Amino acid sequence: MDNCPIRNVVSRFSGKWALLILCLLSENGKTRFSTIGKALPDISPKVLSTTLKGLEADGLVNRKIYPEIPPRVEYSLSATGLSLMPIVGSLISWASENYDNIVSARANKKQL
């Protein structure tokens, strides 16, 4: 898997939260941890932290710490993250256009 760019990169987005966080940062620009958590109320702080660390490690998200008391941390999309967003936008459009068909296909499969 380490040598396969598709599986290696796409696996980062296969989780429940990564794409939602990327979209949130794309819409809001610089965003604090607590604001992301409030916008995604179902995510636990631990999962949010882990997901942000993974996105940062992949170079998709920037993390800036301000030397204040208490410390302030903001997250934003990196240039690489920004370059991904048109592709994510296309995926969102496709999902919206095909949602009803997919739900119907699932329902039909369950009936069999």
C-alpha atoms as a PDB file:
ATOM      1  CA  MET A   1       0.000   0.000   0.000  1.00  0.00           C
ATOM      2  CA  ASP A   2       2.847   2.432   0.736  1.00  0.00           C
ATOM      3  CA  ASN A   3       3.873   2.352  -2.923  1.00  0.00           C
ATOM      4  CA  CYS A   4       0.375   2.866  -4.311  1.00  0.00           C
ATOM      5  CA  PRO A   5      -0.341   6.596  -4.510  1.00  0.00           C
ATOM      6  CA  ILE A   6      -4.082   6.146  -4.975  1.00  0.00           C
ATOM      7  CA  ARG A   7      -4.644   3.912  -1.946  1.00  0.00           C
ATOM      8  CA  ASN A   8      -2.141   5.841   0.146  1.00  0.00           C
ATOM      9  CA  VAL A   9      -3.674   9.274  -0.472  1.00  0.00           C
ATOM     10  CA  VAL A  10      -7.348   8.370  -0.861  1.00  0.00           C
ATOM     11  CA  SER A  11      -7.316   6.358   2.366  1.00  0.00           C
ATOM     12  CA  ARG A  12      -6.945   9.685   4.220  1.00  0.00           C
ATOM     13  CA  PHE A  13     -10.360  10.739   2.929  1.00  0.00           C
ATOM     14  CA  SER A  14     -12.165   7.469   3.486  1.00  0.00           C
ATOM     15  CA  GLY A  15     -12.790   8.295   7.138  1.00  0.00           C
ATOM     16  CA  LYS A  16     -15.967   9.889   8.355  1.00  0.00           C
ATOM     17  CA  TRP A  17     -14.585  13.363   9.100  1.00  0.00           C
ATOM     18  CA  ALA A  18     -11.668  14.386   6.864  1.00  0.00           C
ATOM     19  CA  LEU A  19     -13.696  15.672   3.921  1.00  0.00           C
ATOM     20  CA  LEU A  20     -16.103  17.507   6.207  1.00  0.00           C
ATOM     21  CA  ILE A  21     -13.209  19.236   7.966  1.00  0.00           C
ATOM     22  CA  LEU A  22     -11.595  20.172   4.651  1.00  0.00           C
ATOM     23  CA  CYS A  23     -14.894  21.629   3.406  1.00  0.00           C
ATOM     24  CA  LEU A  24     -15.372  23.549   6.639  1.00  0.00           C
ATOM     25  CA  LEU A  25     -11.884  25.060   6.397  1.00  0.00           C
ATOM     26  CA  SER A  26     -12.465  25.867   2.738  1.00  0.00           C
ATOM     27  CA  GLU A  27     -15.656  27.750   3.569  1.00  0.00           C
ATOM     28  CA  ASN A  28     -14.404  29.509   6.716  1.00  0.00           C
ATOM     29  CA  GLY A  29     -10.707  30.104   6.124  1.00  0.00           C
ATOM     30  CA  LYS A  30      -8.716  30.249   9.372  1.00  0.00           C
ATOM     31  CA  THR A  31     -10.731  28.364  11.979  1.00  0.00           C
ATOM     32  CA  ARG A  32     -10.137  27.548  15.621  1.00  0.00           C
ATOM     33  CA  PHE A  33     -10.341  24.000  16.983  1.00  0.00           C
ATOM     34  CA  SER A  34     -13.405  24.802  19.107  1.00  0.00           C
ATOM     35  CA  THR A  35     -15.219  26.304  16.116  1.00  0.00           C
ATOM     36  CA  ILE A  36     -14.620  23.167  14.065  1.00  0.00           C
ATOM     37  CA  GLY A  37     -15.902  21.073  16.962  1.00  0.00           C
ATOM     38  CA  LYS A  38     -19.059  23.190  17.247  1.00  0.00           C
ATOM     39  CA  ALA A  39     -19.693  22.953  13.498  1.00  0.00           C
ATOM     40  CA  LEU A  40     -19.352  19.141  13.678  1.00  0.00           C
ATOM     41  CA  PRO A  41     -21.113  18.353  16.962  1.00  0.00           C
ATOM     42  CA  ASP A  42     -20.960  14.564  16.462  1.00  0.00           C
ATOM     43  CA  ILE A  43     -17.145  14.479  16.405  1.00  0.00           C
ATOM     44  CA  SER A  44     -15.285  13.877  19.655  1.00  0.00           C
ATOM     45  CA  PRO A  45     -12.362  16.177  20.520  1.00  0.00           C
ATOM     46  CA  LYS A  46      -9.974  13.195  20.298  1.00  0.00           C
ATOM     47  CA  VAL A  47     -11.138  12.227  16.802  1.00  0.00           C
ATOM     48  CA  LEU A  48     -11.065  15.865  15.685  1.00  0.00           C
ATOM     49  CA  SER A  49      -7.514  16.248  16.985  1.00  0.00           C
ATOM     50  CA  THR A  50      -6.374  13.003  15.350  1.00  0.00           C
ATOM     51  CA  THR A  51      -7.990  13.895  12.025  1.00  0.00           C
ATOM     52  CA  LEU A  52      -6.465  17.389  12.009  1.00  0.00           C
ATOM     53  CA  LYS A  53      -3.028  15.950  12.827  1.00  0.00           C
ATOM     54  CA  GLY A  54      -3.347  13.508   9.913  1.00  0.00           C
ATOM     55  CA  LEU A  55      -4.422  16.257   7.512  1.00  0.00           C
ATOM     56  CA  GLU A  56      -1.557  18.431   8.740  1.00  0.00           C
ATOM     57  CA  ALA A  57       0.928  15.549   8.339  1.00  0.00           C
ATOM     58  CA  ASP A  58      -0.264  15.127   4.743  1.00  0.00           C
ATOM     59  CA  GLY A  59       0.314  18.818   4.059  1.00  0.00           C
ATOM     60  CA  LEU A  60      -3.359  19.581   3.460  1.00  0.00           C
ATOM     61  CA  VAL A  61      -3.901  21.708   6.570  1.00  0.00           C
ATOM     62  CA  ASN A  62      -1.790  24.396   8.206  1.00  0.00           C
ATOM     63  CA  ARG A  63      -1.746  24.825  11.984  1.00  0.00           C
ATOM     64  CA  LYS A  64      -0.747  28.158  13.460  1.00  0.00           C
ATOM     65  CA  ILE A  65      -0.150  28.635  17.181  1.00  0.00           C
ATOM     66  CA  TYR A  66      -0.326  32.178  18.536  1.00  0.00           C
ATOM     67  CA  PRO A  67       1.875  32.919  21.577  1.00  0.00           C
ATOM     68  CA  GLU A  68      -0.953  34.109  23.806  1.00  0.00           C
ATOM     69  CA  ILE A  69      -2.330  33.131  27.172  1.00  0.00           C
ATOM     70  CA  PRO A  70      -4.346  31.000  26.745  1.00  0.00           C
ATOM     71  CA  PRO A  71      -2.764  29.739  23.515  1.00  0.00           C
ATOM     72  CA  ARG A  72      -4.807  30.244  20.364  1.00  0.00           C
ATOM     73  CA  VAL A  73      -4.519  27.729  17.521  1.00  0.00           C
ATOM     74  CA  GLU A  74      -5.987  28.234  14.073  1.00  0.00           C
ATOM     75  CA  TYR A  75      -6.262  25.778  11.213  1.00  0.00           C
ATOM     76  CA  SER A  76      -6.441  26.616   7.520  1.00  0.00           C
ATOM     77  CA  LEU A  77      -6.029  24.869   4.215  1.00  0.00           C
ATOM     78  CA  SER A  78      -2.531  24.743   2.762  1.00  0.00           C
ATOM     79  CA  ALA A  79      -1.906  25.372  -0.926  1.00  0.00           C
ATOM     80  CA  THR A  80      -2.153  21.607  -1.469  1.00  0.00           C
ATOM     81  CA  GLY A  81      -5.427  21.479   0.449  1.00  0.00           C
ATOM     82  CA  LEU A  82      -6.795  24.376  -1.587  1.00  0.00           C
ATOM     83  CA  SER A  83      -5.840  22.585  -4.803  1.00  0.00           C
ATOM     84  CA  LEU A  84      -7.875  19.570  -3.663  1.00  0.00           C
ATOM     85  CA  MET A  85     -11.101  21.511  -3.075  1.00  0.00           C
ATOM     86  CA  PRO A  86     -12.298  21.775  -6.717  1.00  0.00           C
ATOM     87  CA  ILE A  87     -12.080  17.980  -6.901  1.00  0.00           C
ATOM     88  CA  VAL A  88     -13.961  17.623  -3.608  1.00  0.00           C
ATOM     89  CA  GLY A  89     -16.548  20.091  -4.964  1.00  0.00           C
ATOM     90  CA  SER A  90     -17.034  17.875  -8.018  1.00  0.00           C
ATOM     91  CA  LEU A  91     -17.483  14.839  -5.766  1.00  0.00           C
ATOM     92  CA  ILE A  92     -20.068  16.712  -3.678  1.00  0.00           C
ATOM     93  CA  SER A  93     -21.956  17.753  -6.828  1.00  0.00           C
ATOM     94  CA  TRP A  94     -21.921  14.183  -8.114  1.00  0.00           C
ATOM     95  CA  ALA A  95     -23.172  12.870  -4.768  1.00  0.00           C
ATOM     96  CA  SER A  96     -25.998  15.417  -4.700  1.00  0.00           C
ATOM     97  CA  GLU A  97     -27.035  14.608  -8.270  1.00  0.00           C
ATOM     98  CA  ASN A  98     -26.982  10.840  -7.707  1.00  0.00           C
ATOM     99  CA  TYR A  99     -28.160  10.594  -4.101  1.00  0.00           C
ATOM    100  CA  ASP A 100     -31.744   9.548  -4.873  1.00  0.00           C
ATOM    101  CA  ASN A 101     -30.574   6.856  -7.322  1.00  0.00           C
ATOM    102  CA  ILE A 102     -28.094   5.482  -4.794  1.00  0.00           C
ATOM    103  CA  VAL A 103     -30.662   5.397  -1.991  1.00  0.00           C
ATOM    104  CA  SER A 104     -33.147   3.626  -4.300  1.00  0.00           C
ATOM    105  CA  ALA A 105     -30.536   1.076  -5.351  1.00  0.00           C
ATOM    106  CA  ARG A 106     -29.721   0.346  -1.704  1.00  0.00           C
ATOM    107  CA  ALA A 107     -33.396  -0.066  -0.848  1.00  0.00           C
ATOM    108  CA  ASN A 108     -33.891  -2.424  -3.816  1.00  0.00           C
ATOM    109  CA  LYS A 109     -30.866  -4.493  -2.783  1.00  0.00           C
ATOM    110  CA  LYS A 110     -32.245  -4.880   0.755  1.00  0.00           C
ATOM    111  CA  GLN A 111     -35.572  -6.149  -0.631  1.00  0.00           C
ATOM    112  CA  LEU A 112     -33.913  -8.985  -2.544  1.00  0.00           C
END
